[in-house]
C-alpha atoms as a PDB file:
ATOM      1  CA  MET A   1     -39.536 -49.045  14.178  1.00  0.00           C
ATOM      2  CA  THR A   2     -36.408 -48.995  12.027  1.00  0.00           C
ATOM      3  CA  LEU A   3     -38.195 -47.124   9.249  1.00  0.00           C
ATOM      4  CA  PHE A   4     -39.366 -44.552  11.773  1.00  0.00           C
ATOM      5  CA  LEU A   5     -35.803 -43.951  12.975  1.00  0.00           C
ATOM      6  CA  LEU A   6     -34.491 -43.756   9.412  1.00  0.00           C
ATOM      7  CA  VAL A   7     -36.986 -40.980   8.699  1.00  0.00           C
ATOM      8  CA  PHE A   8     -37.067 -39.251  12.086  1.00  0.00           C
ATOM      9  CA  TRP A   9     -33.375 -38.421  12.553  1.00  0.00           C
ATOM     10  CA  PRO A  10     -32.700 -36.934   9.111  1.00  0.00           C
ATOM     11  CA  VAL A  11     -35.849 -34.806   9.354  1.00  0.00           C
ATOM     12  CA  LEU A  12     -34.858 -33.654  12.856  1.00  0.00           C
ATOM     13  CA  ILE A  13     -31.361 -32.712  11.688  1.00  0.00           C
ATOM     14  CA  VAL A  14     -32.707 -30.752   8.702  1.00  0.00           C
ATOM     15  CA  LEU A  15     -35.213 -28.875  10.879  1.00  0.00           C
ATOM     16  CA  ALA A  16     -32.525 -28.028  13.440  1.00  0.00           C
ATOM     17  CA  ALA A  17     -30.217 -26.762  10.667  1.00  0.00           C
ATOM     18  CA  VAL A  18     -32.969 -24.550   9.250  1.00  0.00           C
ATOM     19  CA  TYR A  19     -33.750 -23.251  12.761  1.00  0.00           C
ATOM     20  CA  VAL A  20     -30.099 -22.320  13.378  1.00  0.00           C
ATOM     21  CA  TRP A  21     -29.724 -20.786   9.898  1.00  0.00           C
ATOM     22  CA  LEU A  22     -32.781 -18.545  10.355  1.00  0.00           C
ATOM     23  CA  HIS A  23     -31.610 -17.320  13.746  1.00  0.00           C
ATOM     24  CA  ALA A  24     -28.111 -16.705  12.367  1.00  0.00           C
ATOM     25  CA  ARG A  25     -29.535 -14.476   9.627  1.00  0.00           C
ATOM     26  CA  ILE A  26     -31.600 -12.475  12.116  1.00  0.00           C
ATOM     27  CA  LEU A  27     -28.686 -12.054  14.500  1.00  0.00           C
ATOM     28  CA  ARG A  28     -26.344 -11.014  11.683  1.00  0.00           C
ATOM     29  CA  ARG A  29     -28.756  -8.315  10.537  1.00  0.00           C
ATOM     30  CA  ALA A  30     -29.127  -7.115  14.118  1.00  0.00           C
ATOM     31  CA  GLY A  31     -25.350  -6.809  14.417  1.00  0.00           C
ATOM     32  CA  HIS A  32     -24.747  -9.702  16.809  1.00  0.00           C
ATOM     33  CA  SER A  33     -22.503 -12.725  16.336  1.00  0.00           C
ATOM     34  CA  ARG A  34     -24.071 -15.566  14.382  1.00  0.00           C
ATOM     35  CA  LEU A  35     -22.606 -18.073  16.850  1.00  0.00           C
ATOM     36  CA  TRP A  36     -25.367 -17.151  19.304  1.00  0.00           C
ATOM     37  CA  SER A  37     -27.745 -19.073  17.057  1.00  0.00           C
ATOM     38  CA  LEU A  38     -26.179 -22.349  18.239  1.00  0.00           C
ATOM     39  CA  ALA A  39     -27.369 -21.553  21.764  1.00  0.00           C
ATOM     40  CA  MET A  40     -30.919 -21.522  20.384  1.00  0.00           C
ATOM     41  CA  LEU A  41     -30.747 -25.331  20.261  1.00  0.00           C
ATOM     42  CA  LEU A  42     -30.544 -25.579  24.054  1.00  0.00           C
ATOM     43  CA  PRO A  43     -33.934 -25.960  25.712  1.00  0.00           C
ATOM     44  CA  GLY A  44     -34.765 -23.065  27.993  1.00  0.00           C
ATOM     45  CA  VAL A  45     -31.775 -21.036  26.851  1.00  0.00           C
ATOM     46  CA  ASN A  46     -33.515 -20.242  23.565  1.00  0.00           C
ATOM     47  CA  ILE A  47     -36.427 -18.557  25.338  1.00  0.00           C
ATOM     48  CA  VAL A  48     -34.110 -16.475  27.513  1.00  0.00           C
ATOM     49  CA  LEU A  49     -31.974 -15.456  24.516  1.00  0.00           C
ATOM     50  CA  ILE A  50     -34.988 -14.343  22.501  1.00  0.00           C
ATOM     51  CA  TRP A  51     -35.940 -11.983  25.360  1.00  0.00           C
ATOM     52  CA  VAL A  52     -32.356 -10.773  25.786  1.00  0.00           C
ATOM     53  CA  PHE A  53     -31.925  -9.986  22.087  1.00  0.00           C
ATOM     54  CA  ALA A  54     -35.355  -8.392  21.868  1.00  0.00           C
ATOM     55  CA  PHE A  55     -34.625  -5.830  24.575  1.00  0.00           C
ATOM     56  CA  ALA A  56     -30.860  -5.370  24.098  1.00  0.00           C
ATOM     57  CA  ASP A  57     -29.320  -2.568  22.063  1.00  0.00           C
ATOM     58  CA  TRP A  58     -28.745  -3.696  18.497  1.00  0.00           C
ATOM     59  CA  PRO A  59     -25.291  -2.731  17.188  1.00  0.00           C
ATOM     60  CA  ALA A  60     -26.643  -2.552  13.632  1.00  0.00           C
ATOM     61  CA  LEU A  61     -28.994   0.287  14.626  1.00  0.00           C
ATOM     62  CA  LYS A  62     -26.118   2.322  16.040  1.00  0.00           C
ATOM     63  CA  THR A  63     -24.000   2.140  12.876  1.00  0.00           C
ATOM     64  CA  SER A  64     -26.730   2.620  10.285  1.00  0.00           C
ATOM     65  CA  LYS A  65     -27.275   6.179   9.068  1.00  0.00           C
ATOM     66  CA  ALA A  66     -30.403   5.315   7.118  1.00  0.00           C
ATOM     67  CA  ILE A  67     -32.542   4.873  10.226  1.00  0.00           C
ATOM     68  CA  PRO A  68     -35.028   7.651  10.934  1.00  0.00           C
ATOM     69  CA  GLU A  69     -34.776   9.554  14.203  1.00  0.00           C
ATOM     70  CA  ILE A  70     -37.946   7.972  15.620  1.00  0.00           C
ATOM     71  CA  PHE A  71     -36.144   4.637  16.053  1.00  0.00           C
ATOM     72  CA  GLU A  72     -33.304   6.042  18.139  1.00  0.00           C
END
């Protein structure tokens, strides 16, 4: 049991850090604050936030001049 806990918690912390880091990169490229990625750790909130960010206007698309007209 002790060996399981010694392995489980470090692995869980590393996976959570990778999860937050990946969401922070996506949100930064979309033009949103990277702090929203911390909310992705809350059960239920993460599903709602994925839907909100998917259908919200992305600030990065408004400021970029390299985007073709079909995406506007």
